[in-house]
């Protein structure tokens, strides 16, 4: 579980989690997160230089203990894609 918080309250936890992983893989990359209330998803923005990649994680993904590994795998794949 990345966070037990919901909605906007979870953004800080998710952003810290994403940046911890992102900077461990590529120190020049940064992650930011915002909550999209209309779709109940968290939009993650990865940026490196002038390149940006956006993707979403659902509330269920970030609030389910068994799915944290899935979220990390997704994030690492996106980092790799942006780095290449």
PDB file of N, CA and C in Angstrom:
ATOM      1  N   UNK A   1       0.853  -1.172   0.000  1.00  0.00           N
ATOM      2  CA  UNK A   1       0.000   0.000   0.000  1.00  0.00           C
ATOM      3  C   UNK A   1       0.903   1.241   0.000  1.00  0.00           C
ATOM      4  N   UNK A   2       0.671   2.107  -0.955  1.00  0.00           N
ATOM      5  CA  UNK A   2       1.445   3.339  -1.035  1.00  0.00           C
ATOM      6  C   UNK A   2       0.930   4.336  -0.003  1.00  0.00           C
ATOM      7  N   UNK A   3      -0.387   4.387   0.160  1.00  0.00           N
ATOM      8  CA  UNK A   3      -0.999   5.286   1.139  1.00  0.00           C
ATOM      9  C   UNK A   3      -2.365   4.749   1.548  1.00  0.00           C
ATOM     10  N   UNK A   4      -2.781   5.095   2.748  1.00  0.00           N
ATOM     11  CA  UNK A   4      -4.137   4.733   3.173  1.00  0.00           C
ATOM     12  C   UNK A   4      -5.072   5.940   3.070  1.00  0.00           C
ATOM     13  N   UNK A   5      -4.522   7.055   2.626  1.00  0.00           N
ATOM     14  CA  UNK A   5      -5.325   8.268   2.450  1.00  0.00           C
ATOM     15  C   UNK A   5      -6.058   8.210   1.118  1.00  0.00           C
ATOM     16  N   UNK A   6      -7.057   9.074   0.975  1.00  0.00           N
ATOM     17  CA  UNK A   6      -7.848   9.101  -0.253  1.00  0.00           C
ATOM     18  C   UNK A   6      -7.857  10.494  -0.851  1.00  0.00           C
ATOM     19  N   UNK A   7      -8.084  10.534  -2.149  1.00  0.00           N
ATOM     20  CA  UNK A   7      -8.240  11.806  -2.839  1.00  0.00           C
ATOM     21  C   UNK A   7      -7.021  12.693  -2.731  1.00  0.00           C
ATOM     22  N   UNK A   8      -7.282  13.979  -2.629  1.00  0.00           N
ATOM     23  CA  UNK A   8      -6.222  14.986  -2.574  1.00  0.00           C
ATOM     24  C   UNK A   8      -5.279  14.757  -1.388  1.00  0.00           C
ATOM     25  N   UNK A   9      -5.786  14.201  -0.309  1.00  0.00           N
ATOM     26  CA  UNK A   9      -4.968  13.957   0.887  1.00  0.00           C
ATOM     27  C   UNK A   9      -3.845  12.956   0.634  1.00  0.00           C
ATOM     28  N   UNK A  10      -3.984  12.120  -0.386  1.00  0.00           N
ATOM     29  CA  UNK A  10      -2.990  11.090  -0.686  1.00  0.00           C
ATOM     30  C   UNK A  10      -1.868  11.582  -1.588  1.00  0.00           C
ATOM     31  N   UNK A  11      -2.047  12.727  -2.207  1.00  0.00           N
ATOM     32  CA  UNK A  11      -1.094  13.208  -3.216  1.00  0.00           C
ATOM     33  C   UNK A  11       0.331  13.291  -2.672  1.00  0.00           C
ATOM     34  N   UNK A  12       0.519  13.855  -1.503  1.00  0.00           N
ATOM     35  CA  UNK A  12       1.853  14.014  -0.930  1.00  0.00           C
ATOM     36  C   UNK A  12       2.542  12.667  -0.724  1.00  0.00           C
ATOM     37  N   UNK A  13       1.827  11.688  -0.177  1.00  0.00           N
ATOM     38  CA  UNK A  13       2.397  10.353   0.041  1.00  0.00           C
ATOM     39  C   UNK A  13       2.812   9.711  -1.277  1.00  0.00           C
ATOM     40  N   UNK A  14       1.963   9.812  -2.279  1.00  0.00           N
ATOM     41  CA  UNK A  14       2.248   9.199  -3.582  1.00  0.00           C
ATOM     42  C   UNK A  14       3.429   9.898  -4.241  1.00  0.00           C
ATOM     43  N   UNK A  15       3.480  11.211  -4.142  1.00  0.00           N
ATOM     44  CA  UNK A  15       4.581  11.961  -4.743  1.00  0.00           C
ATOM     45  C   UNK A  15       5.908  11.612  -4.074  1.00  0.00           C
ATOM     46  N   UNK A  16       5.924  11.480  -2.759  1.00  0.00           N
ATOM     47  CA  UNK A  16       7.148  11.086  -2.051  1.00  0.00           C
ATOM     48  C   UNK A  16       7.586   9.691  -2.477  1.00  0.00           C
ATOM     49  N   UNK A  17       6.643   8.764  -2.560  1.00  0.00           N
ATOM     50  CA  UNK A  17       6.930   7.397  -2.997  1.00  0.00           C
ATOM     51  C   UNK A  17       7.511   7.415  -4.413  1.00  0.00           C
ATOM     52  N   UNK A  18       6.866   8.142  -5.315  1.00  0.00           N
ATOM     53  CA  UNK A  18       7.305   8.192  -6.714  1.00  0.00           C
ATOM     54  C   UNK A  18       8.689   8.821  -6.840  1.00  0.00           C
ATOM     55  N   UNK A  19       8.941   9.884  -6.110  1.00  0.00           N
ATOM     56  CA  UNK A  19      10.252  10.538  -6.189  1.00  0.00           C
ATOM     57  C   UNK A  19      11.356   9.688  -5.584  1.00  0.00           C
ATOM     58  N   UNK A  20      11.050   8.942  -4.549  1.00  0.00           N
ATOM     59  CA  UNK A  20      12.045   8.042  -3.956  1.00  0.00           C
ATOM     60  C   UNK A  20      12.507   7.019  -4.996  1.00  0.00           C
ATOM     61  N   UNK A  21      11.569   6.436  -5.717  1.00  0.00           N
ATOM     62  CA  UNK A  21      11.905   5.442  -6.741  1.00  0.00           C
ATOM     63  C   UNK A  21      12.558   6.112  -7.943  1.00  0.00           C
ATOM     64  N   UNK A  22      11.984   7.215  -8.385  1.00  0.00           N
ATOM     65  CA  UNK A  22      12.478   7.905  -9.575  1.00  0.00           C
ATOM     66  C   UNK A  22      13.928   8.336  -9.408  1.00  0.00           C
ATOM     67  N   UNK A  23      14.247   9.004  -8.311  1.00  0.00           N
ATOM     68  CA  UNK A  23      15.611   9.492  -8.126  1.00  0.00           C
ATOM     69  C   UNK A  23      16.602   8.365  -7.867  1.00  0.00           C
ATOM     70  N   UNK A  24      16.139   7.222  -7.372  1.00  0.00           N
ATOM     71  CA  UNK A  24      17.050   6.088  -7.190  1.00  0.00           C
ATOM     72  C   UNK A  24      17.450   5.489  -8.535  1.00  0.00           C
ATOM     73  N   UNK A  25      16.610   5.664  -9.545  1.00  0.00           N
ATOM     74  CA  UNK A  25      16.899   5.147 -10.883  1.00  0.00           C
ATOM     75  C   UNK A  25      17.609   6.203 -11.724  1.00  0.00           C
ATOM     76  N   UNK A  26      17.158   7.447 -11.651  1.00  0.00           N
ATOM     77  CA  UNK A  26      17.698   8.533 -12.474  1.00  0.00           C
ATOM     78  C   UNK A  26      17.618   9.836 -11.679  1.00  0.00           C
ATOM     79  N   UNK A  27      18.757  10.287 -11.185  1.00  0.00           N
ATOM     80  CA  UNK A  27      18.791  11.478 -10.326  1.00  0.00           C
ATOM     81  C   UNK A  27      18.352  12.749 -11.047  1.00  0.00           C
ATOM     82  N   UNK A  28      18.334  12.732 -12.368  1.00  0.00           N
ATOM     83  CA  UNK A  28      17.947  13.921 -13.133  1.00  0.00           C
ATOM     84  C   UNK A  28      16.456  13.959 -13.449  1.00  0.00           C
ATOM     85  N   UNK A  29      15.718  12.983 -12.975  1.00  0.00           N
ATOM     86  CA  UNK A  29      14.287  12.907 -13.256  1.00  0.00           C
ATOM     87  C   UNK A  29      13.507  13.276 -11.993  1.00  0.00           C
ATOM     88  N   UNK A  30      12.355  13.891 -12.188  1.00  0.00           N
ATOM     89  CA  UNK A  30      11.499  14.271 -11.059  1.00  0.00           C
ATOM     90  C   UNK A  30      10.067  13.824 -11.327  1.00  0.00           C
ATOM     91  N   UNK A  31       9.360  13.533 -10.257  1.00  0.00           N
ATOM     92  CA  UNK A  31       7.961  13.115 -10.360  1.00  0.00           C
ATOM     93  C   UNK A  31       7.083  14.098  -9.601  1.00  0.00           C
ATOM     94  N   UNK A  32       5.927  14.366 -10.160  1.00  0.00           N
ATOM     95  CA  UNK A  32       4.915  15.149  -9.457  1.00  0.00           C
ATOM     96  C   UNK A  32       3.577  14.454  -9.656  1.00  0.00           C
ATOM     97  N   UNK A  33       2.643  14.729  -8.758  1.00  0.00           N
ATOM     98  CA  UNK A  33       1.365  14.011  -8.754  1.00  0.00           C
ATOM     99  C   UNK A  33       0.233  14.993  -8.507  1.00  0.00           C
ATOM    100  N   UNK A  34      -0.879  14.774  -9.187  1.00  0.00           N
ATOM    101  CA  UNK A  34      -2.109  15.484  -8.829  1.00  0.00           C
ATOM    102  C   UNK A  34      -3.277  14.519  -8.911  1.00  0.00           C
ATOM    103  N   UNK A  35      -4.321  14.827  -8.177  1.00  0.00           N
ATOM    104  CA  UNK A  35      -5.510  13.983  -8.115  1.00  0.00           C
ATOM    105  C   UNK A  35      -6.551  14.505  -9.087  1.00  0.00           C
ATOM    106  N   UNK A  36      -7.041  13.628  -9.954  1.00  0.00           N
ATOM    107  CA  UNK A  36      -8.113  13.966 -10.894  1.00  0.00           C
ATOM    108  C   UNK A  36      -9.415  13.429 -10.319  1.00  0.00           C
ATOM    109  N   UNK A  37     -10.183  14.316  -9.732  1.00  0.00           N
ATOM    110  CA  UNK A  37     -11.420  13.921  -9.051  1.00  0.00           C
ATOM    111  C   UNK A  37     -12.446  13.314 -10.007  1.00  0.00           C
ATOM    112  N   UNK A  38     -12.486  13.792 -11.254  1.00  0.00           N
ATOM    113  CA  UNK A  38     -13.467  13.287 -12.223  1.00  0.00           C
ATOM    114  C   UNK A  38     -13.296  11.800 -12.507  1.00  0.00           C
ATOM    115  N   UNK A  39     -12.041  11.344 -12.549  1.00  0.00           N
ATOM    116  CA  UNK A  39     -11.789   9.935 -12.855  1.00  0.00           C
ATOM    117  C   UNK A  39     -11.336   9.140 -11.635  1.00  0.00           C
ATOM    118  N   UNK A  40     -11.213   9.797 -10.491  1.00  0.00           N
ATOM    119  CA  UNK A  40     -10.724   9.158  -9.257  1.00  0.00           C
ATOM    120  C   UNK A  40      -9.384   8.467  -9.488  1.00  0.00           C
ATOM    121  N   UNK A  41      -8.491   9.177 -10.187  1.00  0.00           N
ATOM    122  CA  UNK A  41      -7.152   8.651 -10.440  1.00  0.00           C
ATOM    123  C   UNK A  41      -6.107   9.684 -10.053  1.00  0.00           C
ATOM    124  N   UNK A  42      -4.903   9.196  -9.864  1.00  0.00           N
ATOM    125  CA  UNK A  42      -3.758  10.050  -9.585  1.00  0.00           C
ATOM    126  C   UNK A  42      -2.941  10.134 -10.865  1.00  0.00           C
ATOM    127  N   UNK A  43      -2.686  11.343 -11.309  1.00  0.00           N
ATOM    128  CA  UNK A  43      -1.905  11.558 -12.524  1.00  0.00           C
ATOM    129  C   UNK A  43      -0.465  11.810 -12.098  1.00  0.00           C
ATOM    130  N   UNK A  44       0.422  10.952 -12.570  1.00  0.00           N
ATOM    131  CA  UNK A  44       1.839  11.092 -12.267  1.00  0.00           C
ATOM    132  C   UNK A  44       2.526  11.707 -13.471  1.00  0.00           C
ATOM    133  N   UNK A  45       3.349  12.692 -13.208  1.00  0.00           N
ATOM    134  CA  UNK A  45       4.090  13.392 -14.253  1.00  0.00           C
ATOM    135  C   UNK A  45       5.567  13.166 -13.995  1.00  0.00           C
ATOM    136  N   UNK A  46       6.230  12.504 -14.926  1.00  0.00           N
ATOM    137  CA  UNK A  46       7.667  12.315 -14.854  1.00  0.00           C
ATOM    138  C   UNK A  46       8.308  13.305 -15.808  1.00  0.00           C
ATOM    139  N   UNK A  47       9.343  13.986 -15.362  1.00  0.00           N
ATOM    140  CA  UNK A  47      10.014  14.976 -16.195  1.00  0.00           C
ATOM    141  C   UNK A  47      11.523  14.798 -16.110  1.00  0.00           C
ATOM    142  N   UNK A  48      12.138  14.882 -17.288  1.00  0.00           N
ATOM    143  CA  UNK A  48      13.597  14.853 -17.382  1.00  0.00           C
ATOM    144  C   UNK A  48      13.974  15.808 -18.501  1.00  0.00           C
ATOM    145  N   UNK A  49      14.583  16.914 -18.124  1.00  0.00           N
ATOM    146  CA  UNK A  49      14.913  17.931 -19.121  1.00  0.00           C
ATOM    147  C   UNK A  49      13.634  18.459 -19.753  1.00  0.00           C
ATOM    148  N   UNK A  50      13.584  18.420 -21.080  1.00  0.00           N
ATOM    149  CA  UNK A  50      12.389  18.903 -21.774  1.00  0.00           C
ATOM    150  C   UNK A  50      11.429  17.780 -22.140  1.00  0.00           C
ATOM    151  N   UNK A  51      11.663  16.588 -21.614  1.00  0.00           N
ATOM    152  CA  UNK A  51      10.784  15.446 -21.877  1.00  0.00           C
ATOM    153  C   UNK A  51       9.867  15.204 -20.687  1.00  0.00           C
ATOM    154  N   UNK A  52       8.599  14.914 -20.988  1.00  0.00           N
ATOM    155  CA  UNK A  52       7.592  14.697 -19.944  1.00  0.00           C
ATOM    156  C   UNK A  52       6.754  13.482 -20.310  1.00  0.00           C
ATOM    157  N   UNK A  53       6.401  12.689 -19.318  1.00  0.00           N
ATOM    158  CA  UNK A  53       5.537  11.531 -19.511  1.00  0.00           C
ATOM    159  C   UNK A  53       4.456  11.562 -18.434  1.00  0.00           C
ATOM    160  N   UNK A  54       3.213  11.411 -18.837  1.00  0.00           N
ATOM    161  CA  UNK A  54       2.082  11.377 -17.906  1.00  0.00           C
ATOM    162  C   UNK A  54       1.453   9.997 -17.918  1.00  0.00           C
ATOM    163  N   UNK A  55       1.075   9.520 -16.742  1.00  0.00           N
ATOM    164  CA  UNK A  55       0.304   8.282 -16.646  1.00  0.00           C
ATOM    165  C   UNK A  55      -0.513   8.313 -15.370  1.00  0.00           C
ATOM    166  N   UNK A  56      -1.453   7.393 -15.256  1.00  0.00           N
ATOM    167  CA  UNK A  56      -2.391   7.389 -14.130  1.00  0.00           C
ATOM    168  C   UNK A  56      -2.296   6.104 -13.315  1.00  0.00           C
ATOM    169  N   UNK A  57      -2.552   6.260 -12.029  1.00  0.00           N
ATOM    170  CA  UNK A  57      -2.760   5.133 -11.127  1.00  0.00           C
ATOM    171  C   UNK A  57      -4.122   5.340 -10.473  1.00  0.00           C
ATOM    172  N   UNK A  58      -4.857   4.264 -10.312  1.00  0.00           N
ATOM    173  CA  UNK A  58      -6.185   4.363  -9.706  1.00  0.00           C
ATOM    174  C   UNK A  58      -6.086   4.409  -8.184  1.00  0.00           C
ATOM    175  N   UNK A  59      -7.168   4.856  -7.560  1.00  0.00           N
ATOM    176  CA  UNK A  59      -7.219   4.841  -6.095  1.00  0.00           C
ATOM    177  C   UNK A  59      -7.030   3.422  -5.574  1.00  0.00           C
ATOM    178  N   UNK A  60      -7.640   2.455  -6.239  1.00  0.00           N
ATOM    179  CA  UNK A  60      -7.521   1.060  -5.804  1.00  0.00           C
ATOM    180  C   UNK A  60      -6.070   0.594  -5.852  1.00  0.00           C
ATOM    181  N   UNK A  61      -5.338   0.993  -6.878  1.00  0.00           N
ATOM    182  CA  UNK A  61      -3.942   0.578  -6.987  1.00  0.00           C
ATOM    183  C   UNK A  61      -3.102   1.116  -5.833  1.00  0.00           C
ATOM    184  N   UNK A  62      -3.259   2.372  -5.493  1.00  0.00           N
ATOM    185  CA  UNK A  62      -2.396   2.965  -4.470  1.00  0.00           C
ATOM    186  C   UNK A  62      -2.839   2.638  -3.052  1.00  0.00           C
ATOM    187  N   UNK A  63      -4.065   2.152  -2.875  1.00  0.00           N
ATOM    188  CA  UNK A  63      -4.574   1.871  -1.535  1.00  0.00           C
ATOM    189  C   UNK A  63      -4.656   0.385  -1.214  1.00  0.00           C
ATOM    190  N   UNK A  64      -4.177  -0.462  -2.110  1.00  0.00           N
ATOM    191  CA  UNK A  64      -4.217  -1.900  -1.881  1.00  0.00           C
ATOM    192  C   UNK A  64      -2.801  -2.410  -1.658  1.00  0.00           C
ATOM    193  N   UNK A  65      -2.562  -3.002  -0.505  1.00  0.00           N
ATOM    194  CA  UNK A  65      -1.227  -3.476  -0.139  1.00  0.00           C
ATOM    195  C   UNK A  65      -0.635  -4.404  -1.200  1.00  0.00           C
ATOM    196  N   UNK A  66      -1.432  -5.303  -1.719  1.00  0.00           N
ATOM    197  CA  UNK A  66      -0.950  -6.296  -2.670  1.00  0.00           C
ATOM    198  C   UNK A  66      -0.580  -5.692  -4.028  1.00  0.00           C
ATOM    199  N   UNK A  67      -0.965  -4.449  -4.278  1.00  0.00           N
ATOM    200  CA  UNK A  67      -0.735  -3.854  -5.596  1.00  0.00           C
ATOM    201  C   UNK A  67       0.419  -2.849  -5.628  1.00  0.00           C
ATOM    202  N   UNK A  68       1.091  -2.658  -4.501  1.00  0.00           N
ATOM    203  CA  UNK A  68       2.208  -1.711  -4.494  1.00  0.00           C
ATOM    204  C   UNK A  68       3.314  -2.164  -5.442  1.00  0.00           C
ATOM    205  N   UNK A  69       3.583  -3.454  -5.472  1.00  0.00           N
ATOM    206  CA  UNK A  69       4.608  -3.984  -6.377  1.00  0.00           C
ATOM    207  C   UNK A  69       4.236  -3.712  -7.838  1.00  0.00           C
ATOM    208  N   UNK A  70       2.971  -3.889  -8.157  1.00  0.00           N
ATOM    209  CA  UNK A  70       2.475  -3.596  -9.509  1.00  0.00           C
ATOM    210  C   UNK A  70       2.686  -2.116  -9.850  1.00  0.00           C
ATOM    211  N   UNK A  71       2.394  -1.242  -8.908  1.00  0.00           N
ATOM    212  CA  UNK A  71       2.573   0.199  -9.121  1.00  0.00           C
ATOM    213  C   UNK A  71       4.049   0.534  -9.335  1.00  0.00           C
ATOM    214  N   UNK A  72       4.914  -0.077  -8.533  1.00  0.00           N
ATOM    215  CA  UNK A  72       6.348   0.185  -8.674  1.00  0.00           C
ATOM    216  C   UNK A  72       6.854  -0.315 -10.022  1.00  0.00           C
ATOM    217  N   UNK A  73       6.393  -1.473 -10.447  1.00  0.00           N
ATOM    218  CA  UNK A  73       6.797  -2.014 -11.748  1.00  0.00           C
ATOM    219  C   UNK A  73       6.355  -1.076 -12.872  1.00  0.00           C
ATOM    220  N   UNK A  74       5.136  -0.570 -12.781  1.00  0.00           N
ATOM    221  CA  UNK A  74       4.628   0.381 -13.771  1.00  0.00           C
ATOM    222  C   UNK A  74       5.485   1.641 -13.782  1.00  0.00           C
ATOM    223  N   UNK A  75       5.770   2.185 -12.602  1.00  0.00           N
ATOM    224  CA  UNK A  75       6.574   3.400 -12.496  1.00  0.00           C
ATOM    225  C   UNK A  75       7.965   3.182 -13.077  1.00  0.00           C
ATOM    226  N   UNK A  76       8.606   2.082 -12.727  1.00  0.00           N
ATOM    227  CA  UNK A  76       9.955   1.810 -13.243  1.00  0.00           C
ATOM    228  C   UNK A  76       9.949   1.659 -14.766  1.00  0.00           C
ATOM    229  N   UNK A  77       8.903   1.063 -15.311  1.00  0.00           N
ATOM    230  CA  UNK A  77       8.781   0.944 -16.763  1.00  0.00           C
ATOM    231  C   UNK A  77       8.654   2.303 -17.427  1.00  0.00           C
ATOM    232  N   UNK A  78       7.888   3.190 -16.822  1.00  0.00           N
ATOM    233  CA  UNK A  78       7.721   4.542 -17.360  1.00  0.00           C
ATOM    234  C   UNK A  78       9.026   5.330 -17.256  1.00  0.00           C
ATOM    235  N   UNK A  79       9.753   5.153 -16.161  1.00  0.00           N
ATOM    236  CA  UNK A  79      11.054   5.812 -15.994  1.00  0.00           C
ATOM    237  C   UNK A  79      12.003   5.352 -17.093  1.00  0.00           C
ATOM    238  N   UNK A  80      12.042   4.062 -17.310  1.00  0.00           N
ATOM    239  CA  UNK A  80      12.915   3.494 -18.345  1.00  0.00           C
ATOM    240  C   UNK A  80      12.545   4.048 -19.717  1.00  0.00           C
ATOM    241  N   UNK A  81      11.254   4.122 -20.002  1.00  0.00           N
ATOM    242  CA  UNK A  81      10.802   4.645 -21.286  1.00  0.00           C
ATOM    243  C   UNK A  81      11.184   6.100 -21.495  1.00  0.00           C
ATOM    244  N   UNK A  82      11.103   6.892 -20.453  1.00  0.00           N
ATOM    245  CA  UNK A  82      11.440   8.308 -20.559  1.00  0.00           C
ATOM    246  C   UNK A  82      12.951   8.509 -20.638  1.00  0.00           C
ATOM    247  N   UNK A  83      13.709   7.634 -20.014  1.00  0.00           N
ATOM    248  CA  UNK A  83      15.167   7.763 -19.997  1.00  0.00           C
ATOM    249  C   UNK A  83      15.806   7.376 -21.327  1.00  0.00           C
ATOM    250  N   UNK A  84      15.130   6.524 -22.086  1.00  0.00           N
ATOM    251  CA  UNK A  84      15.753   6.032 -23.331  1.00  0.00           C
ATOM    252  C   UNK A  84      15.552   6.957 -24.500  1.00  0.00           C
TER     253      UNK A  84
END
